[in-house]
Amino acid sequence: MTRAILTIDDSPSPHTRELVEFCTARDITPVLFCRGDRMDQFGDDGLRAALDQGVILAHHSYHHQPAG
């Protein structure tokens, strides 16, 4: 069996709840890499909903400069 893991950087966003609903409706369990500054900015309501759906949350620093 082939397995892929969907990772999403720089979470949360205003669209976190919708993103989680999209993924879980398709039996996809994403890993959200969360930044502290974005958690301060967007709150944790979407992340709490994500945890309730079995989404994996990971640490992605407090903030960082864009890589590009």
C-alpha atoms as a PDB file:
ATOM      1  CA  MET A   1       0.000   0.000   0.000  1.00  0.00           C
ATOM      2  CA  THR A   2       1.268   3.461  -0.925  1.00  0.00           C
ATOM      3  CA  ARG A   3       0.871   6.180   1.660  1.00  0.00           C
ATOM      4  CA  ALA A   4       1.329   9.909   1.344  1.00  0.00           C
ATOM      5  CA  ILE A   5       1.258  12.498   4.110  1.00  0.00           C
ATOM      6  CA  LEU A   6      -0.192  15.931   3.406  1.00  0.00           C
ATOM      7  CA  THR A   7       1.691  18.624   5.311  1.00  0.00           C
ATOM      8  CA  ILE A   8       0.526  22.219   5.459  1.00  0.00           C
ATOM      9  CA  ASP A   9       2.901  24.937   6.649  1.00  0.00           C
ATOM     10  CA  ASP A  10       2.140  28.258   8.300  1.00  0.00           C
ATOM     11  CA  SER A  11      -1.130  27.330   9.965  1.00  0.00           C
ATOM     12  CA  PRO A  12      -3.556  28.491  11.189  1.00  0.00           C
ATOM     13  CA  SER A  13      -5.287  30.796   8.742  1.00  0.00           C
ATOM     14  CA  PRO A  14      -8.786  32.186   8.318  1.00  0.00           C
ATOM     15  CA  HIS A  15      -9.472  29.049   6.253  1.00  0.00           C
ATOM     16  CA  THR A  16      -8.245  26.384   8.676  1.00  0.00           C
ATOM     17  CA  ARG A  17     -11.708  25.091   9.559  1.00  0.00           C
ATOM     18  CA  GLU A  18     -12.724  24.800   5.882  1.00  0.00           C
ATOM     19  CA  LEU A  19      -9.422  23.143   4.998  1.00  0.00           C
ATOM     20  CA  VAL A  20      -9.897  20.555   7.736  1.00  0.00           C
ATOM     21  CA  GLU A  21     -13.474  19.879   6.613  1.00  0.00           C
ATOM     22  CA  PHE A  22     -12.289  19.459   3.006  1.00  0.00           C
ATOM     23  CA  CYS A  23      -9.575  16.983   3.999  1.00  0.00           C
ATOM     24  CA  THR A  24     -11.588  14.924   6.466  1.00  0.00           C
ATOM     25  CA  ALA A  25     -14.499  14.628   4.013  1.00  0.00           C
ATOM     26  CA  ARG A  26     -12.010  12.903   1.694  1.00  0.00           C
ATOM     27  CA  ASP A  27     -10.501  10.698   4.419  1.00  0.00           C
ATOM     28  CA  ILE A  28      -7.274  12.738   4.459  1.00  0.00           C
ATOM     29  CA  THR A  29      -5.579  13.403   7.791  1.00  0.00           C
ATOM     30  CA  PRO A  30      -3.261  16.391   7.254  1.00  0.00           C
ATOM     31  CA  VAL A  31      -0.392  17.533   9.435  1.00  0.00           C
ATOM     32  CA  LEU A  32      -0.680  21.268  10.150  1.00  0.00           C
ATOM     33  CA  PHE A  33       2.628  22.943  10.953  1.00  0.00           C
ATOM     34  CA  CYS A  34       1.595  25.842  13.176  1.00  0.00           C
ATOM     35  CA  ARG A  35       3.390  29.141  13.683  1.00  0.00           C
ATOM     36  CA  GLY A  36       3.015  30.912  16.997  1.00  0.00           C
ATOM     37  CA  ASP A  37       2.502  34.348  15.471  1.00  0.00           C
ATOM     38  CA  ARG A  38      -0.347  33.039  13.311  1.00  0.00           C
ATOM     39  CA  MET A  39      -1.926  31.399  16.361  1.00  0.00           C
ATOM     40  CA  ASP A  40      -1.798  34.808  18.059  1.00  0.00           C
ATOM     41  CA  GLN A  41      -3.299  36.432  14.960  1.00  0.00           C
ATOM     42  CA  PHE A  42      -6.032  33.914  14.092  1.00  0.00           C
ATOM     43  CA  GLY A  43      -6.719  32.253  17.432  1.00  0.00           C
ATOM     44  CA  ASP A  44      -7.067  28.571  18.060  1.00  0.00           C
ATOM     45  CA  ASP A  45     -10.733  27.845  17.303  1.00  0.00           C
ATOM     46  CA  GLY A  46      -9.886  26.292  13.936  1.00  0.00           C
ATOM     47  CA  LEU A  47      -7.078  24.305  15.517  1.00  0.00           C
ATOM     48  CA  ARG A  48      -9.364  22.961  18.244  1.00  0.00           C
ATOM     49  CA  ALA A  49     -11.772  21.810  15.542  1.00  0.00           C
ATOM     50  CA  ALA A  50      -8.832  20.238  13.698  1.00  0.00           C
ATOM     51  CA  LEU A  51      -7.782  18.293  16.779  1.00  0.00           C
ATOM     52  CA  ASP A  52     -11.363  17.082  17.230  1.00  0.00           C
ATOM     53  CA  GLN A  53     -11.144  15.655  13.685  1.00  0.00           C
ATOM     54  CA  GLY A  54      -7.860  13.841  14.380  1.00  0.00           C
ATOM     55  CA  VAL A  55      -5.634  16.291  12.518  1.00  0.00           C
ATOM     56  CA  ILE A  56      -1.998  16.262  13.626  1.00  0.00           C
ATOM     57  CA  LEU A  57      -0.591  19.609  14.807  1.00  0.00           C
ATOM     58  CA  ALA A  58       3.134  20.268  14.710  1.00  0.00           C
ATOM     59  CA  HIS A  59       5.353  23.168  15.757  1.00  0.00           C
ATOM     60  CA  HIS A  60       6.727  25.424  13.008  1.00  0.00           C
ATOM     61  CA  SER A  61       8.469  28.148  15.063  1.00  0.00           C
ATOM     62  CA  TYR A  62       6.998  31.397  16.282  1.00  0.00           C
ATOM     63  CA  HIS A  63       7.669  33.229  13.005  1.00  0.00           C
ATOM     64  CA  HIS A  64      10.098  33.117  10.081  1.00  0.00           C
ATOM     65  CA  GLN A  65      11.023  34.957   6.928  1.00  0.00           C
ATOM     66  CA  PRO A  66       9.621  33.565   3.670  1.00  0.00           C
ATOM     67  CA  ALA A  67      12.022  31.057   2.116  1.00  0.00           C
ATOM     68  CA  GLY A  68      11.594  32.427  -1.398  1.00  0.00           C
END
